[in-house]
Amino acid sequence: MANGSRVRITLSCSECKQRNYNTTTNKKNDPDRIEMMKYCKFCQKQTLHKETK
């Protein structure tokens, strides 16, 4: 399966800086860094997760 424009990214918690989630994104549709509210198992609450390198 060819995923030419999809790249793997890592989401890290903005509070504790732990890298919790891996996902893929289409860089043609979303060229900016992604920010999502996700559950952090280290903080034990929903926090803002930002895309890292």
PDB file of N, CA and C in Angstrom:
ATOM      1  N   MET A   1       0.840  -1.168   0.000  1.00  0.00           N
ATOM      2  CA  MET A   1       0.000   0.000   0.000  1.00  0.00           C
ATOM      3  C   MET A   1       0.893   1.241   0.000  1.00  0.00           C
ATOM      4  N   ALA A   2       0.731   2.100  -0.971  1.00  0.00           N
ATOM      5  CA  ALA A   2       1.572   3.277  -1.117  1.00  0.00           C
ATOM      6  C   ALA A   2       0.957   4.466  -0.396  1.00  0.00           C
ATOM      7  N   ASN A   3       1.683   4.983   0.581  1.00  0.00           N
ATOM      8  CA  ASN A   3       1.238   6.159   1.325  1.00  0.00           C
ATOM      9  C   ASN A   3       2.210   7.295   1.030  1.00  0.00           C
ATOM     10  N   GLY A   4       2.172   7.836  -0.165  1.00  0.00           N
ATOM     11  CA  GLY A   4       3.146   8.819  -0.603  1.00  0.00           C
ATOM     12  C   GLY A   4       3.195  10.083   0.218  1.00  0.00           C
ATOM     13  N   SER A   5       2.055  10.685   0.537  1.00  0.00           N
ATOM     14  CA  SER A   5       2.070  11.969   1.230  1.00  0.00           C
ATOM     15  C   SER A   5       1.802  11.834   2.725  1.00  0.00           C
ATOM     16  N   ARG A   6       1.598  10.609   3.213  1.00  0.00           N
ATOM     17  CA  ARG A   6       1.338  10.424   4.639  1.00  0.00           C
ATOM     18  C   ARG A   6       2.649  10.174   5.371  1.00  0.00           C
ATOM     19  N   VAL A   7       2.823  10.882   6.479  1.00  0.00           N
ATOM     20  CA  VAL A   7       4.025  10.721   7.292  1.00  0.00           C
ATOM     21  C   VAL A   7       3.637  10.390   8.719  1.00  0.00           C
ATOM     22  N   ARG A   8       4.533   9.666   9.406  1.00  0.00           N
ATOM     23  CA  ARG A   8       4.307   9.297  10.791  1.00  0.00           C
ATOM     24  C   ARG A   8       4.709  10.447  11.694  1.00  0.00           C
ATOM     25  N   ILE A   9       3.871  10.740  12.684  1.00  0.00           N
ATOM     26  CA  ILE A   9       4.193  11.791  13.643  1.00  0.00           C
ATOM     27  C   ILE A   9       4.027  11.241  15.056  1.00  0.00           C
ATOM     28  N   THR A  10       4.613  11.924  16.014  1.00  0.00           N
ATOM     29  CA  THR A  10       4.495  11.576  17.421  1.00  0.00           C
ATOM     30  C   THR A  10       3.847  12.745  18.144  1.00  0.00           C
ATOM     31  N   LEU A  11       2.890  12.442  19.017  1.00  0.00           N
ATOM     32  CA  LEU A  11       2.227  13.473  19.815  1.00  0.00           C
ATOM     33  C   LEU A  11       2.761  13.413  21.241  1.00  0.00           C
ATOM     34  N   SER A  12       3.138  14.572  21.782  1.00  0.00           N
ATOM     35  CA  SER A  12       3.642  14.610  23.149  1.00  0.00           C
ATOM     36  C   SER A  12       2.780  15.538  23.994  1.00  0.00           C
ATOM     37  N   CYS A  13       2.663  15.194  25.252  1.00  0.00           N
ATOM     38  CA  CYS A  13       1.862  15.966  26.206  1.00  0.00           C
ATOM     39  C   CYS A  13       2.521  17.315  26.434  1.00  0.00           C
ATOM     40  N   SER A  14       1.724  18.372  26.448  1.00  0.00           N
ATOM     41  CA  SER A  14       2.276  19.709  26.644  1.00  0.00           C
ATOM     42  C   SER A  14       2.585  19.988  28.114  1.00  0.00           C
ATOM     43  N   GLU A  15       2.064  19.180  29.031  1.00  0.00           N
ATOM     44  CA  GLU A  15       2.318  19.408  30.460  1.00  0.00           C
ATOM     45  C   GLU A  15       3.511  18.609  30.970  1.00  0.00           C
ATOM     46  N   CYS A  16       3.520  17.291  30.733  1.00  0.00           N
ATOM     47  CA  CYS A  16       4.606  16.461  31.271  1.00  0.00           C
ATOM     48  C   CYS A  16       5.661  16.114  30.217  1.00  0.00           C
ATOM     49  N   LYS A  17       5.440  16.475  28.960  1.00  0.00           N
ATOM     50  CA  LYS A  17       6.382  16.285  27.848  1.00  0.00           C
ATOM     51  C   LYS A  17       6.636  14.824  27.477  1.00  0.00           C
ATOM     52  N   GLN A  18       5.788  13.923  27.956  1.00  0.00           N
ATOM     53  CA  GLN A  18       5.919  12.515  27.582  1.00  0.00           C
ATOM     54  C   GLN A  18       5.365  12.305  26.181  1.00  0.00           C
ATOM     55  N   ARG A  19       6.012  11.449  25.403  1.00  0.00           N
ATOM     56  CA  ARG A  19       5.542  11.127  24.054  1.00  0.00           C
ATOM     57  C   ARG A  19       4.604   9.939  24.153  1.00  0.00           C
ATOM     58  N   ASN A  20       3.300  10.181  23.954  1.00  0.00           N
ATOM     59  CA  ASN A  20       2.279   9.185  24.245  1.00  0.00           C
ATOM     60  C   ASN A  20       1.682   8.518  23.016  1.00  0.00           C
ATOM     61  N   TYR A  21       1.530   9.219  21.922  1.00  0.00           N
ATOM     62  CA  TYR A  21       0.787   8.700  20.782  1.00  0.00           C
ATOM     63  C   TYR A  21       1.597   8.796  19.501  1.00  0.00           C
ATOM     64  N   ASN A  22       1.440   7.783  18.622  1.00  0.00           N
ATOM     65  CA  ASN A  22       1.973   7.793  17.271  1.00  0.00           C
ATOM     66  C   ASN A  22       0.803   7.745  16.314  1.00  0.00           C
ATOM     67  N   THR A  23       0.859   8.532  15.262  1.00  0.00           N
ATOM     68  CA  THR A  23      -0.206   8.561  14.273  1.00  0.00           C
ATOM     69  C   THR A  23       0.380   9.008  12.948  1.00  0.00           C
ATOM     70  N   THR A  24      -0.447   9.035  11.912  1.00  0.00           N
ATOM     71  CA  THR A  24      -0.001   9.507  10.607  1.00  0.00           C
ATOM     72  C   THR A  24      -0.841  10.711  10.208  1.00  0.00           C
ATOM     73  N   THR A  25      -0.259  11.546   9.376  1.00  0.00           N
ATOM     74  CA  THR A  25      -0.965  12.718   8.890  1.00  0.00           C
ATOM     75  C   THR A  25      -0.592  12.963   7.438  1.00  0.00           C
ATOM     76  N   ASN A  26      -1.477  13.641   6.740  1.00  0.00           N
ATOM     77  CA  ASN A  26      -1.236  13.995   5.349  1.00  0.00           C
ATOM     78  C   ASN A  26      -0.678  15.413   5.325  1.00  0.00           C
ATOM     79  N   LYS A  27       0.584  15.550   4.954  1.00  0.00           N
ATOM     80  CA  LYS A  27       1.242  16.855   4.998  1.00  0.00           C
ATOM     81  C   LYS A  27       0.757  17.802   3.898  1.00  0.00           C
ATOM     82  N   LYS A  28       0.115  17.274   2.863  1.00  0.00           N
ATOM     83  CA  LYS A  28      -0.450  18.159   1.840  1.00  0.00           C
ATOM     84  C   LYS A  28      -1.685  18.878   2.373  1.00  0.00           C
ATOM     85  N   ASN A  29      -2.526  18.176   3.126  1.00  0.00           N
ATOM     86  CA  ASN A  29      -3.758  18.762   3.662  1.00  0.00           C
ATOM     87  C   ASN A  29      -3.513  19.548   4.940  1.00  0.00           C
ATOM     88  N   ASP A  30      -2.581  19.087   5.777  1.00  0.00           N
ATOM     89  CA  ASP A  30      -2.291  19.723   7.067  1.00  0.00           C
ATOM     90  C   ASP A  30      -0.805  20.038   7.163  1.00  0.00           C
ATOM     91  N   PRO A  31      -0.334  21.132   6.565  1.00  0.00           N
ATOM     92  CA  PRO A  31       1.102  21.421   6.613  1.00  0.00           C
ATOM     93  C   PRO A  31       1.583  21.900   7.980  1.00  0.00           C
ATOM     94  N   ASP A  32       0.687  22.409   8.825  1.00  0.00           N
ATOM     95  CA  ASP A  32       1.074  22.905  10.147  1.00  0.00           C
ATOM     96  C   ASP A  32       1.164  21.744  11.135  1.00  0.00           C
ATOM     97  N   ARG A  33       1.748  22.043  12.301  1.00  0.00           N
ATOM     98  CA  ARG A  33       1.820  21.027  13.349  1.00  0.00           C
ATOM     99  C   ARG A  33       0.447  20.836  13.978  1.00  0.00           C
ATOM    100  N   ILE A  34       0.137  19.592  14.313  1.00  0.00           N
ATOM    101  CA  ILE A  34      -1.185  19.232  14.821  1.00  0.00           C
ATOM    102  C   ILE A  34      -1.207  19.355  16.348  1.00  0.00           C
ATOM    103  N   GLU A  35      -2.319  19.841  16.880  1.00  0.00           N
ATOM    104  CA  GLU A  35      -2.565  19.889  18.317  1.00  0.00           C
ATOM    105  C   GLU A  35      -3.917  19.260  18.594  1.00  0.00           C
ATOM    106  N   MET A  36      -3.960  18.326  19.544  1.00  0.00           N
ATOM    107  CA  MET A  36      -5.203  17.618  19.882  1.00  0.00           C
ATOM    108  C   MET A  36      -5.325  17.483  21.386  1.00  0.00           C
ATOM    109  N   MET A  37      -6.552  17.430  21.863  1.00  0.00           N
ATOM    110  CA  MET A  37      -6.802  17.086  23.252  1.00  0.00           C
ATOM    111  C   MET A  37      -6.871  15.561  23.331  1.00  0.00           C
ATOM    112  N   LYS A  38      -5.933  14.971  24.072  1.00  0.00           N
ATOM    113  CA  LYS A  38      -5.876  13.521  24.218  1.00  0.00           C
ATOM    114  C   LYS A  38      -5.664  13.194  25.696  1.00  0.00           C
ATOM    115  N   TYR A  39      -5.932  11.934  26.062  1.00  0.00           N
ATOM    116  CA  TYR A  39      -5.736  11.493  27.436  1.00  0.00           C
ATOM    117  C   TYR A  39      -4.266  11.142  27.655  1.00  0.00           C
ATOM    118  N   CYS A  40      -3.693  11.680  28.717  1.00  0.00           N
ATOM    119  CA  CYS A  40      -2.311  11.371  29.094  1.00  0.00           C
ATOM    120  C   CYS A  40      -2.342  10.434  30.291  1.00  0.00           C
ATOM    121  N   LYS A  41      -1.761   9.251  30.136  1.00  0.00           N
ATOM    122  CA  LYS A  41      -1.790   8.279  31.227  1.00  0.00           C
ATOM    123  C   LYS A  41      -0.833   8.650  32.356  1.00  0.00           C
ATOM    124  N   PHE A  42       0.108   9.544  32.086  1.00  0.00           N
ATOM    125  CA  PHE A  42       1.033   9.979  33.131  1.00  0.00           C
ATOM    126  C   PHE A  42       0.421  11.095  33.982  1.00  0.00           C
ATOM    127  N   CYS A  43      -0.280  12.036  33.342  1.00  0.00           N
ATOM    128  CA  CYS A  43      -0.980  13.115  34.071  1.00  0.00           C
ATOM    129  C   CYS A  43      -2.328  12.642  34.587  1.00  0.00           C
ATOM    130  N   GLN A  44      -2.864  11.586  34.006  1.00  0.00           N
ATOM    131  CA  GLN A  44      -4.172  11.007  34.327  1.00  0.00           C
ATOM    132  C   GLN A  44      -5.300  11.993  34.104  1.00  0.00           C
ATOM    133  N   LYS A  45      -5.220  12.738  32.995  1.00  0.00           N
ATOM    134  CA  LYS A  45      -6.288  13.650  32.600  1.00  0.00           C
ATOM    135  C   LYS A  45      -6.099  14.004  31.131  1.00  0.00           C
ATOM    136  N   GLN A  46      -7.091  14.665  30.569  1.00  0.00           N
ATOM    137  CA  GLN A  46      -6.992  15.113  29.188  1.00  0.00           C
ATOM    138  C   GLN A  46      -6.145  16.361  29.122  1.00  0.00           C
ATOM    139  N   THR A  47      -5.139  16.341  28.256  1.00  0.00           N
ATOM    140  CA  THR A  47      -4.264  17.490  28.086  1.00  0.00           C
ATOM    141  C   THR A  47      -4.051  17.738  26.608  1.00  0.00           C
ATOM    142  N   LEU A  48      -3.491  18.880  26.300  1.00  0.00           N
ATOM    143  CA  LEU A  48      -3.177  19.225  24.924  1.00  0.00           C
ATOM    144  C   LEU A  48      -1.918  18.471  24.499  1.00  0.00           C
ATOM    145  N   HIS A  49      -2.006  17.747  23.388  1.00  0.00           N
ATOM    146  CA  HIS A  49      -0.871  17.017  22.834  1.00  0.00           C
ATOM    147  C   HIS A  49      -0.467  17.681  21.531  1.00  0.00           C
ATOM    148  N   LYS A  50       0.828  17.932  21.380  1.00  0.00           N
ATOM    149  CA  LYS A  50       1.345  18.609  20.205  1.00  0.00           C
ATOM    150  C   LYS A  50       2.247  17.680  19.408  1.00  0.00           C
ATOM    151  N   GLU A  51       2.302  17.929  18.128  1.00  0.00           N
ATOM    152  CA  GLU A  51       3.150  17.131  17.230  1.00  0.00           C
ATOM    153  C   GLU A  51       4.616  17.446  17.485  1.00  0.00           C
ATOM    154  N   THR A  52       5.440  16.392  17.564  1.00  0.00           N
ATOM    155  CA  THR A  52       6.878  16.549  17.710  1.00  0.00           C
ATOM    156  C   THR A  52       7.570  15.934  16.509  1.00  0.00           C
ATOM    157  N   LYS A  53       8.867  16.133  16.429  1.00  0.00           N
ATOM    158  CA  LYS A  53       9.634  15.569  15.314  1.00  0.00           C
ATOM    159  C   LYS A  53       9.881  14.088  15.515  1.00  0.00           C
TER     160      LYS A  53
END
